Amino acid sequence: MKAGKLKMPGHPTTLYVFSASANDYNTKTGEVSNGKFRYVVYLPYATAESTGLPLKPEAPGMPWLMDPGTHRAHIMINPPSDKED
């Protein structure tokens, strides 16, 4: 990036993750059980002050800012699973 070979997006970007343990994935059918979602919104150089978000989750499922002030800054949203309720 610093050399100009890679460009940062000029806008926020989003990543949607659905994951599960290997034991919860059926290789024959492709079905997943007990999967969990995670949502990530990348906001390069965002800070707690610029977003109003805390730097750690204040309650299960609440958004928080990870890697503030860096090119890796992003909002993490980990919805609580049924097991955490």
Protein backbone atom coordinates (compact mmCIF):
# COMPACT_ATOMS: atom_id res chain seq x y z
CA MET A 1 0.00 0.00 0.00
CA LYS A 2 2.69 2.45 0.96
CA ALA A 3 4.45 1.85 -2.36
CA GLY A 4 1.22 2.61 -4.23
CA LYS A 5 0.91 -0.90 -5.69
CA LEU A 6 -2.22 -1.64 -3.68
CA LYS A 7 -5.09 0.80 -3.26
CA MET A 8 -7.34 1.12 -0.23
CA PRO A 9 -11.06 1.22 -1.02
CA GLY A 10 -12.44 4.75 -1.01
CA HIS A 11 -15.53 3.60 0.88
CA PRO A 12 -16.42 1.18 3.69
CA THR A 13 -16.55 -2.49 2.72
CA THR A 14 -18.34 -5.42 4.32
CA LEU A 15 -17.44 -9.04 4.98
CA TYR A 16 -20.06 -11.65 5.89
CA VAL A 17 -18.75 -14.81 7.56
CA PHE A 18 -20.62 -18.04 8.26
CA SER A 19 -18.47 -20.63 10.01
CA ALA A 20 -18.69 -23.87 11.93
CA SER A 21 -16.36 -26.51 13.29
CA ALA A 22 -15.25 -29.31 11.00
CA ASN A 23 -17.49 -31.70 12.97
CA ASP A 24 -20.53 -29.59 12.03
CA TYR A 25 -19.87 -29.78 8.27
CA ASN A 26 -21.22 -32.72 6.27
CA THR A 27 -18.75 -33.26 3.41
CA LYS A 28 -21.20 -35.47 1.51
CA THR A 29 -24.16 -33.07 1.49
CA GLY A 30 -22.43 -29.72 2.07
CA GLU A 31 -24.80 -29.04 4.95
CA VAL A 32 -23.63 -27.08 7.99
CA SER A 33 -25.14 -27.35 11.46
CA ASN A 34 -24.46 -25.10 14.43
CA GLY A 35 -23.00 -22.39 12.20
CA LYS A 36 -22.33 -18.88 13.44
CA PHE A 37 -22.46 -15.57 11.62
CA ARG A 38 -20.00 -12.71 11.96
CA TYR A 39 -20.25 -9.37 10.21
CA VAL A 40 -17.29 -7.06 9.63
CA VAL A 41 -17.43 -3.51 8.27
CA TYR A 42 -14.02 -2.20 7.24
CA LEU A 43 -13.49 1.52 7.90
CA PRO A 44 -9.79 2.28 7.39
CA TYR A 45 -8.39 4.65 10.03
CA ALA A 46 -11.68 4.85 11.96
CA THR A 47 -11.43 5.54 15.69
CA ALA A 48 -13.71 5.21 18.68
CA GLU A 49 -14.14 8.98 18.53
CA SER A 50 -15.07 9.03 14.83
CA THR A 51 -17.55 6.14 15.10
CA GLY A 52 -18.87 6.40 18.65
CA LEU A 53 -18.19 2.68 19.10
CA PRO A 54 -16.45 1.02 22.05
CA LEU A 55 -13.12 -0.78 21.62
CA LYS A 56 -14.51 -4.03 23.01
CA PRO A 57 -18.00 -5.56 23.01
CA GLU A 58 -20.04 -4.21 25.90
CA ALA A 59 -22.63 -7.00 25.68
CA PRO A 60 -23.08 -10.15 23.56
CA GLY A 61 -23.88 -9.19 19.97
CA MET A 62 -22.99 -5.52 20.35
CA PRO A 63 -20.76 -3.93 17.68
CA TRP A 64 -17.28 -2.75 18.57
CA LEU A 65 -14.27 -1.27 16.79
CA MET A 66 -11.15 -3.39 16.29
CA ASP A 67 -7.71 -2.05 15.26
CA PRO A 68 -8.74 1.61 15.63
CA GLY A 69 -6.72 4.28 13.85
CA THR A 70 -5.07 1.81 11.45
CA HIS A 71 -5.72 0.73 7.88
CA ARG A 72 -7.13 -2.46 9.44
CA ALA A 73 -9.84 -0.64 11.48
CA HIS A 74 -13.15 -2.46 11.34
CA ILE A 75 -16.45 -2.86 13.15
CA MET A 76 -16.99 -6.37 14.51
CA ILE A 77 -20.51 -7.70 14.96
CA ASN A 78 -20.77 -11.22 16.40
CA PRO A 79 -24.44 -12.08 16.96
CA PRO A 80 -24.84 -14.19 20.09
CA SER A 81 -25.54 -17.86 19.49
CA ASP A 82 -28.45 -19.70 21.05
CA LYS A 83 -25.96 -21.25 23.47
CA GLU A 84 -24.95 -17.78 24.76
CA ASP A 85 -28.53 -16.67 25.51
